[in-house]
């Protein structure tokens, strides 16, 4: 995430285009264009689709639902979470905040919005397992802001007893060959690495 741009474009997609009829549990990825697969030839190439492939290979009874919307902020997510929760969710993976950071939205506001989303999930489905994807912003946003923003995610995860993916874009951010021309969104190969980062945490909950 080397430039100050909004993570934008794309639409909401379901990663599992061919759901396994034996799947009995749902993993919902709630995020922005990093989840939606902005710029990829097929939304199933985004990291939730990579995770679904790993689940299928392990023959686990889970279906991945990709509820990523490009350009989404934490406030936008807070606004649509009620609609998303009309379907039962067994594992909820929250990947929001990147657009807040790139726009310089106050850390306190992002934190409050993410907490509201977490509260909504817990209220509707108390037994749902929760996972939070950690994010960072480029240094050009200022050292203090970057530090405070990075701290949002481990603090929320600890407060809410959520599993934490320390940094979603580990081994991808800043590597030109693994990102699209905008320097923000992973290529297909980059998304495979992001999927691996998510899987390292998620597999412990299955």
Protein backbone atom coordinates (compact mmCIF):
# COMPACT_ATOMS: atom_id res chain seq x y z
CA UNK A 1 0.00 0.00 0.00
CA UNK A 2 2.62 2.42 -1.18
CA UNK A 3 0.48 5.28 -2.41
CA UNK A 4 -2.28 7.39 -0.99
CA UNK A 5 -5.23 6.03 -2.92
CA UNK A 6 -8.64 4.81 -2.02
CA UNK A 7 -9.20 1.08 -2.34
CA UNK A 8 -12.03 1.38 -4.84
CA UNK A 9 -14.04 -0.22 -7.64
CA UNK A 10 -15.58 -3.70 -8.01
CA UNK A 11 -18.65 -5.29 -6.50
CA UNK A 12 -19.77 -7.79 -3.94
CA UNK A 13 -19.12 -11.37 -4.98
CA UNK A 14 -19.36 -14.83 -3.52
CA UNK A 15 -15.99 -16.59 -3.61
CA UNK A 16 -17.44 -20.07 -3.75
CA UNK A 17 -19.14 -20.18 -7.13
CA UNK A 18 -19.72 -23.90 -6.84
CA UNK A 19 -20.67 -24.49 -3.21
CA UNK A 20 -20.16 -27.99 -1.90
CA UNK A 21 -23.56 -29.43 -1.12
CA UNK A 22 -22.08 -31.06 1.98
CA UNK A 23 -20.92 -27.72 3.40
CA UNK A 24 -22.73 -27.11 6.64
CA UNK A 25 -20.93 -24.07 8.05
CA UNK A 26 -20.29 -20.59 6.68
CA UNK A 27 -17.14 -18.47 6.83
CA UNK A 28 -17.98 -14.89 5.93
CA UNK A 29 -15.29 -12.47 4.81
CA UNK A 30 -16.49 -8.91 5.39
CA UNK A 31 -14.20 -6.37 3.81
CA UNK A 32 -13.22 -3.97 1.06
CA UNK A 33 -11.58 -4.44 -2.35
CA UNK A 34 -8.79 -6.57 -0.90
CA UNK A 35 -11.50 -9.09 -0.04
CA UNK A 36 -13.57 -8.46 -3.18
CA UNK A 37 -10.63 -9.09 -5.49
CA UNK A 38 -10.49 -5.73 -7.23
CA UNK A 39 -8.62 -5.87 -10.54
CA UNK A 40 -8.43 -9.67 -10.73
CA UNK A 41 -9.81 -11.55 -13.74
CA UNK A 42 -12.10 -13.60 -11.50
CA UNK A 43 -13.26 -12.70 -7.97
CA UNK A 44 -12.57 -16.31 -6.94
CA UNK A 45 -8.86 -15.46 -7.28
CA UNK A 46 -9.12 -13.10 -4.30
CA UNK A 47 -7.85 -14.41 -0.98
CA UNK A 48 -11.26 -15.73 0.22
CA UNK A 49 -11.30 -17.95 -2.88
CA UNK A 50 -7.78 -19.11 -2.07
CA UNK A 51 -8.99 -20.03 1.41
CA UNK A 52 -11.96 -21.93 -0.07
CA UNK A 53 -9.54 -23.98 -2.17
CA UNK A 54 -7.54 -24.88 0.94
CA UNK A 55 -10.76 -25.84 2.73
CA UNK A 56 -11.83 -28.03 -0.18
CA UNK A 57 -8.42 -29.69 -0.33
CA UNK A 58 -8.70 -30.49 3.37
CA UNK A 59 -12.27 -31.76 2.81
CA UNK A 60 -13.64 -29.54 5.56
CA UNK A 61 -17.40 -28.76 5.68
CA UNK A 62 -17.16 -24.99 5.26
CA UNK A 63 -18.42 -22.63 2.57
CA UNK A 64 -16.72 -19.28 2.08
CA UNK A 65 -18.89 -16.25 1.36
CA UNK A 66 -17.10 -13.20 0.00
CA UNK A 67 -18.87 -10.07 1.28
CA UNK A 68 -16.19 -7.68 0.10
CA UNK A 69 -17.21 -4.34 -1.41
CA UNK A 70 -14.58 -2.23 -3.09
CA UNK A 71 -14.15 1.25 -1.64
CA UNK A 72 -15.73 0.22 1.66
CA UNK A 73 -14.81 2.12 4.80
CA UNK A 74 -15.44 1.07 8.38
CA UNK A 75 -18.45 3.41 8.41
CA UNK A 76 -19.81 1.79 5.27
CA UNK A 77 -19.34 -1.63 6.80
CA UNK A 78 -21.15 -0.54 9.93
CA UNK A 79 -24.03 0.58 7.73
CA UNK A 80 -24.45 -2.72 5.88
CA UNK A 81 -23.59 -5.29 8.55
CA UNK A 82 -27.25 -5.77 9.55
CA UNK A 83 -28.17 -6.83 6.04
CA UNK A 84 -25.19 -9.19 5.76
CA UNK A 85 -26.11 -10.91 9.02
CA UNK A 86 -29.44 -12.09 7.61
CA UNK A 87 -27.51 -15.26 6.79
CA UNK A 88 -26.11 -17.39 9.60
CA UNK A 89 -22.36 -17.04 10.08
CA UNK A 90 -20.16 -19.56 11.88
CA UNK A 91 -16.85 -17.73 11.39
CA UNK A 92 -16.70 -13.99 10.69
CA UNK A 93 -13.52 -12.49 9.25
CA UNK A 94 -13.41 -8.69 9.48
CA UNK A 95 -11.14 -6.96 6.94
CA UNK A 96 -11.89 -3.25 7.02
CA UNK A 97 -10.01 -0.08 7.85
CA UNK A 98 -7.56 0.25 4.96
CA UNK A 99 -9.62 2.90 3.21
CA UNK A 100 -10.04 4.76 6.48
CA UNK A 101 -6.29 4.87 6.86
CA UNK A 102 -5.64 6.00 3.31
CA UNK A 103 -8.14 8.82 3.81
CA UNK A 104 -6.71 9.86 7.15
CA UNK A 105 -9.94 9.20 9.04
CA UNK A 106 -9.37 9.62 12.80
CA UNK A 107 -8.22 6.40 14.44
CA UNK A 108 -10.86 6.80 17.16
CA UNK A 109 -13.61 6.84 14.54
CA UNK A 110 -12.32 3.73 12.77
CA UNK A 111 -12.00 1.94 16.09
CA UNK A 112 -15.58 2.79 17.07
CA UNK A 113 -16.96 1.63 13.73
CA UNK A 114 -15.08 -1.67 13.83
CA UNK A 115 -16.23 -2.25 17.41
CA UNK A 116 -19.83 -1.60 16.34
CA UNK A 117 -19.51 -4.22 13.60
CA UNK A 118 -18.07 -6.72 16.06
CA UNK A 119 -20.88 -5.98 18.52
CA UNK A 120 -23.50 -6.52 15.82
CA UNK A 121 -22.09 -9.95 14.97
CA UNK A 122 -21.83 -10.97 18.62
CA UNK A 123 -25.38 -9.83 19.35
CA UNK A 124 -26.90 -11.68 16.39
CA UNK A 125 -24.75 -14.82 16.59
CA UNK A 126 -23.14 -15.13 20.04
CA UNK A 127 -21.34 -18.37 19.16
CA UNK A 128 -19.70 -17.08 15.98
CA UNK A 129 -15.91 -17.24 15.96
CA UNK A 130 -14.36 -13.88 15.09
CA UNK A 131 -11.19 -13.08 13.18
CA UNK A 132 -9.70 -9.62 12.62
CA UNK A 133 -7.30 -8.79 9.78
CA UNK A 134 -4.59 -6.35 10.79
CA UNK A 135 -3.71 -3.50 8.43
CA UNK A 136 -1.09 -0.77 8.10
CA UNK A 137 -0.89 2.52 6.20
CA UNK A 138 2.04 3.94 4.21
CA UNK A 139 4.57 6.09 6.07
CA UNK A 140 3.52 9.16 4.09
CA UNK A 141 0.45 9.31 6.31
CA UNK A 142 2.74 10.41 9.15
CA UNK A 143 4.58 8.36 11.75
CA UNK A 144 2.15 8.92 14.62
CA UNK A 145 -0.93 8.23 12.53
CA UNK A 146 0.67 5.11 11.05
CA UNK A 147 1.60 3.84 14.51
CA UNK A 148 -1.81 4.59 16.03
CA UNK A 149 -3.58 3.00 13.05
CA UNK A 150 -1.53 -0.19 13.22
CA UNK A 151 -2.38 -0.49 16.93
CA UNK A 152 -6.15 -0.51 16.27
CA UNK A 153 -6.19 -4.16 15.28
CA UNK A 154 -4.26 -5.95 18.05
CA UNK A 155 -6.07 -3.81 20.61
CA UNK A 156 -9.53 -4.68 19.26
CA UNK A 157 -8.60 -8.34 18.89
CA UNK A 158 -7.43 -8.53 22.50
CA UNK A 159 -10.44 -6.62 23.82
CA UNK A 160 -12.91 -8.85 21.98
CA UNK A 161 -10.97 -12.12 22.26
CA UNK A 162 -10.72 -12.40 18.49
CA UNK A 163 -8.17 -14.32 16.47
CA UNK A 164 -5.78 -11.84 14.82
CA UNK A 165 -4.09 -11.92 11.43
CA UNK A 166 -1.19 -9.60 12.39
CA UNK A 167 -0.85 -8.02 8.93
CA UNK A 168 -3.07 -9.16 6.08
CA UNK A 169 -0.61 -8.10 3.36
CA UNK A 170 2.51 -9.61 4.94
CA UNK A 171 5.09 -10.54 2.26
CA UNK A 172 2.98 -8.75 -0.38
CA UNK A 173 2.79 -5.03 0.50
CA UNK A 174 5.48 -3.00 -1.20
CA UNK A 175 6.59 -5.82 -3.52
CA UNK A 176 5.98 -4.57 -7.05
CA UNK A 177 5.75 -7.98 -8.70
CA UNK A 178 2.97 -9.07 -6.32
CA UNK A 179 0.82 -5.97 -6.72
CA UNK A 180 -1.16 -4.44 -9.53
CA UNK A 181 -0.12 -1.18 -11.17
CA UNK A 182 -1.73 0.88 -8.38
CA UNK A 183 0.71 -0.55 -5.87
CA UNK A 184 -2.16 -1.41 -3.52
CA UNK A 185 -4.13 -4.38 -4.78
CA UNK A 186 -2.47 -7.81 -4.98
CA UNK A 187 -2.08 -9.68 -8.24
CA UNK A 188 -3.29 -13.28 -8.49
CA UNK A 189 0.05 -14.44 -7.11
CA UNK A 190 -0.08 -11.83 -4.37
CA UNK A 191 -3.58 -12.97 -3.41
CA UNK A 192 -2.29 -16.51 -2.99
CA UNK A 193 0.18 -15.25 -0.38
CA UNK A 194 -2.53 -13.21 1.35
CA UNK A 195 -4.69 -16.34 1.41
CA UNK A 196 -1.82 -18.21 3.04
CA UNK A 197 -1.53 -15.48 5.70
CA UNK A 198 -5.24 -15.82 6.47
CA UNK A 199 -5.15 -19.61 6.43
CA UNK A 200 -2.37 -19.75 9.03
CA UNK A 201 -4.80 -18.21 11.53
CA UNK A 202 -8.12 -19.48 10.25
CA UNK A 203 -7.20 -23.17 10.12
CA UNK A 204 -6.79 -23.17 13.90
CA UNK A 205 -10.51 -22.35 14.26
CA UNK A 206 -11.88 -25.05 11.96
